[in-house]
Every structure is written in C-alpha cells, then in structure tokens.
Amino acid sequence: EQVSNLKGSKEQHQKKKKSHGNRKEQHKRRKLLRRQQQQQQESHVNNNYMDQNIIDQRQQDEERELIH
C-alpha cells in the first residue's frame, strides 16, 4: 500500500508543478493584456486631445468670421 501511495503523491506533485507553470503563463498574459489596455487608453486620450484641438480651431474660425 505504501508503494502505491508514494506513486500517487508523485503524480500529484507533477500535476502541481504543471499548474504552477500555467500560473506563470497566466501572469504573463495578464501583464500583456494590461499593457495593451494602457496603450488603448493612451491613444484614446490622444484622440480626445486631437478632437479638442479641432473643436478649438473651428471655434476660432467661427469667431474670425463673425469679426469679419
């Protein structure tokens, strides 16, 4: 009985090792996802900034036309 018990615990140990490897992969994947999301947010902010510039430009143009 003890021999089969040892065998079982060895298999369990290997399974644990595998799941630990997966955890590392999950962490990498999460890091990548977070980086991508940050980049998206940054580009989104840049887009908003551009829009604001365009809006400001239009307002200035309209004001010029009103003056003229």
N, C-alpha and C. Protein backbone atom coordinates (compact mmCIF):
# COMPACT_ATOMS: atom_id res chain seq x y z
N GLU A 1 0.83 -1.21 0.00
CA GLU A 1 0.00 0.00 0.00
C GLU A 1 0.86 1.26 0.00
N GLN A 2 1.95 1.23 0.77
CA GLN A 2 2.80 2.41 0.85
C GLN A 2 3.41 2.76 -0.51
N VAL A 3 3.77 1.72 -1.28
CA VAL A 3 4.38 1.96 -2.59
C VAL A 3 3.41 2.69 -3.50
N SER A 4 2.16 2.21 -3.57
CA SER A 4 1.17 2.85 -4.44
C SER A 4 0.88 4.27 -3.94
N ASN A 5 0.95 4.46 -2.64
CA ASN A 5 0.74 5.78 -2.06
C ASN A 5 1.81 6.75 -2.55
N LEU A 6 3.06 6.28 -2.53
CA LEU A 6 4.16 7.12 -2.99
C LEU A 6 3.97 7.49 -4.46
N LYS A 7 3.57 6.50 -5.25
CA LYS A 7 3.35 6.73 -6.67
C LYS A 7 2.29 7.83 -6.85
N GLY A 8 1.23 7.70 -6.09
CA GLY A 8 0.14 8.68 -6.19
C GLY A 8 0.63 10.08 -5.86
N SER A 9 1.38 10.20 -4.78
CA SER A 9 1.84 11.52 -4.38
C SER A 9 2.80 12.10 -5.42
N LYS A 10 3.58 11.22 -6.06
CA LYS A 10 4.50 11.70 -7.10
C LYS A 10 3.70 12.29 -8.26
N GLU A 11 2.64 11.59 -8.67
CA GLU A 11 1.81 12.10 -9.77
C GLU A 11 1.17 13.43 -9.38
N GLN A 12 0.68 13.49 -8.15
CA GLN A 12 0.08 14.74 -7.67
C GLN A 12 1.10 15.87 -7.72
N HIS A 13 2.33 15.53 -7.33
CA HIS A 13 3.37 16.55 -7.30
C HIS A 13 3.62 17.08 -8.72
N GLN A 14 3.66 16.18 -9.70
CA GLN A 14 3.87 16.61 -11.08
C GLN A 14 2.72 17.49 -11.54
N LYS A 15 1.50 17.12 -11.16
CA LYS A 15 0.35 17.94 -11.52
C LYS A 15 0.49 19.34 -10.94
N LYS A 16 0.91 19.41 -9.69
CA LYS A 16 1.09 20.72 -9.05
C LYS A 16 2.12 21.53 -9.83
N LYS A 17 3.21 20.89 -10.22
CA LYS A 17 4.24 21.59 -10.98
C LYS A 17 3.64 22.18 -12.24
N LYS A 18 2.84 21.38 -12.94
CA LYS A 18 2.24 21.85 -14.19
C LYS A 18 1.37 23.07 -13.94
N SER A 19 0.53 23.00 -12.92
CA SER A 19 -0.37 24.12 -12.65
C SER A 19 0.43 25.36 -12.29
N HIS A 20 1.58 25.15 -11.64
CA HIS A 20 2.41 26.29 -11.28
C HIS A 20 2.96 26.95 -12.55
N GLY A 21 3.35 26.12 -13.52
CA GLY A 21 3.82 26.66 -14.79
C GLY A 21 2.73 27.46 -15.47
N ASN A 22 1.51 26.95 -15.41
CA ASN A 22 0.39 27.65 -16.01
C ASN A 22 0.19 29.01 -15.35
N ARG A 23 0.40 29.04 -14.04
CA ARG A 23 0.19 30.30 -13.32
C ARG A 23 1.15 31.36 -13.85
N LYS A 24 2.39 30.92 -14.15
CA LYS A 24 3.37 31.86 -14.70
C LYS A 24 2.88 32.39 -16.03
N GLU A 25 2.36 31.49 -16.86
CA GLU A 25 1.85 31.89 -18.18
C GLU A 25 0.69 32.87 -18.02
N GLN A 26 -0.21 32.55 -17.08
CA GLN A 26 -1.36 33.43 -16.84
C GLN A 26 -0.89 34.81 -16.45
N HIS A 27 0.15 34.86 -15.62
CA HIS A 27 0.67 36.15 -15.16
C HIS A 27 1.21 36.95 -16.35
N LYS A 28 1.96 36.26 -17.22
CA LYS A 28 2.49 36.92 -18.41
C LYS A 28 1.36 37.47 -19.25
N ARG A 29 0.34 36.62 -19.46
CA ARG A 29 -0.78 37.00 -20.31
C ARG A 29 -1.48 38.23 -19.72
N ARG A 30 -1.66 38.20 -18.38
CA ARG A 30 -2.34 39.32 -17.72
C ARG A 30 -1.53 40.60 -17.89
N LYS A 31 -0.19 40.46 -17.77
CA LYS A 31 0.69 41.62 -17.92
C LYS A 31 0.53 42.21 -19.32
N LEU A 32 0.53 41.33 -20.31
CA LEU A 32 0.39 41.77 -21.70
C LEU A 32 -0.94 42.49 -21.89
N LEU A 33 -2.01 41.87 -21.38
CA LEU A 33 -3.34 42.46 -21.52
C LEU A 33 -3.36 43.85 -20.91
N ARG A 34 -2.79 43.96 -19.71
CA ARG A 34 -2.80 45.25 -19.02
C ARG A 34 -2.06 46.29 -19.85
N ARG A 35 -0.91 45.88 -20.44
CA ARG A 35 -0.13 46.82 -21.25
C ARG A 35 -0.93 47.27 -22.46
N GLN A 36 -1.62 46.31 -23.11
CA GLN A 36 -2.43 46.66 -24.28
C GLN A 36 -3.54 47.63 -23.90
N GLN A 37 -4.19 47.36 -22.76
CA GLN A 37 -5.27 48.24 -22.32
C GLN A 37 -4.74 49.64 -22.06
N GLN A 38 -3.57 49.75 -21.45
CA GLN A 38 -2.97 51.06 -21.18
C GLN A 38 -2.71 51.79 -22.48
N GLN A 39 -2.18 51.09 -23.47
CA GLN A 39 -1.90 51.72 -24.76
C GLN A 39 -3.19 52.21 -25.39
N GLN A 40 -4.25 51.39 -25.30
CA GLN A 40 -5.54 51.80 -25.86
C GLN A 40 -6.03 53.06 -25.17
N GLN A 41 -5.92 53.10 -23.85
CA GLN A 41 -6.36 54.27 -23.10
C GLN A 41 -5.55 55.49 -23.52
N GLU A 42 -4.25 55.32 -23.67
CA GLU A 42 -3.39 56.45 -24.05
C GLU A 42 -3.77 56.96 -25.42
N SER A 43 -3.98 56.08 -26.37
CA SER A 43 -4.34 56.51 -27.72
C SER A 43 -5.73 57.15 -27.69
N HIS A 44 -6.59 56.65 -26.82
CA HIS A 44 -7.92 57.23 -26.68
C HIS A 44 -7.80 58.66 -26.17
N VAL A 45 -6.95 58.86 -25.18
CA VAL A 45 -6.72 60.21 -24.65
C VAL A 45 -6.18 61.10 -25.75
N ASN A 46 -5.24 60.58 -26.54
CA ASN A 46 -4.67 61.37 -27.63
C ASN A 46 -5.75 61.76 -28.63
N ASN A 47 -6.65 60.84 -28.92
CA ASN A 47 -7.74 61.14 -29.85
C ASN A 47 -8.61 62.25 -29.30
N ASN A 48 -8.94 62.18 -28.02
CA ASN A 48 -9.75 63.22 -27.40
C ASN A 48 -9.02 64.56 -27.48
N TYR A 49 -7.73 64.53 -27.28
CA TYR A 49 -6.93 65.75 -27.33
C TYR A 49 -6.99 66.35 -28.73
N MET A 50 -6.85 65.48 -29.73
CA MET A 50 -6.93 65.94 -31.12
C MET A 50 -8.30 66.55 -31.39
N ASP A 51 -9.35 65.85 -30.96
CA ASP A 51 -10.70 66.36 -31.16
C ASP A 51 -10.83 67.74 -30.55
N GLN A 52 -10.30 67.90 -29.36
CA GLN A 52 -10.40 69.19 -28.66
C GLN A 52 -9.69 70.26 -29.47
N ASN A 53 -8.55 69.93 -30.04
CA ASN A 53 -7.81 70.90 -30.87
C ASN A 53 -8.64 71.30 -32.07
N ILE A 54 -9.27 70.32 -32.71
CA ILE A 54 -10.09 70.60 -33.89
C ILE A 54 -11.25 71.50 -33.51
N ILE A 55 -11.88 71.19 -32.38
CA ILE A 55 -13.02 71.99 -31.92
C ILE A 55 -12.56 73.42 -31.65
N ASP A 56 -11.43 73.57 -30.97
CA ASP A 56 -10.90 74.91 -30.68
C ASP A 56 -10.65 75.66 -31.99
N GLN A 57 -10.07 74.97 -32.96
CA GLN A 57 -9.76 75.59 -34.25
C GLN A 57 -11.04 76.08 -34.91
N ARG A 58 -12.09 75.26 -34.89
CA ARG A 58 -13.36 75.63 -35.51
C ARG A 58 -13.95 76.86 -34.83
N GLN A 59 -13.88 76.86 -33.50
CA GLN A 59 -14.42 78.00 -32.75
C GLN A 59 -13.67 79.27 -33.13
N GLN A 60 -12.36 79.16 -33.25
CA GLN A 60 -11.56 80.33 -33.63
C GLN A 60 -11.96 80.80 -35.03
N ASP A 61 -12.14 79.85 -35.95
CA ASP A 61 -12.54 80.19 -37.31
C ASP A 61 -13.88 80.91 -37.30
N GLU A 62 -14.83 80.38 -36.53
CA GLU A 62 -16.16 80.98 -36.47
C GLU A 62 -16.07 82.39 -35.90
N GLU A 63 -15.27 82.56 -34.87
CA GLU A 63 -15.11 83.88 -34.26
C GLU A 63 -14.51 84.86 -35.27
N ARG A 64 -13.54 84.41 -36.04
CA ARG A 64 -12.91 85.26 -37.06
C ARG A 64 -13.96 85.70 -38.08
N GLU A 65 -14.78 84.73 -38.49
CA GLU A 65 -15.80 85.05 -39.49
C GLU A 65 -16.79 86.06 -38.92
N LEU A 66 -17.12 85.91 -37.65
CA LEU A 66 -18.06 86.85 -37.01
C LEU A 66 -17.44 88.25 -36.98
N ILE A 67 -16.15 88.30 -36.70
CA ILE A 67 -15.47 89.60 -36.63
C ILE A 67 -15.47 90.24 -38.02
N HIS A 68 -15.15 89.42 -39.04
CA HIS A 68 -15.12 89.95 -40.41
C HIS A 68 -16.54 90.09 -40.87
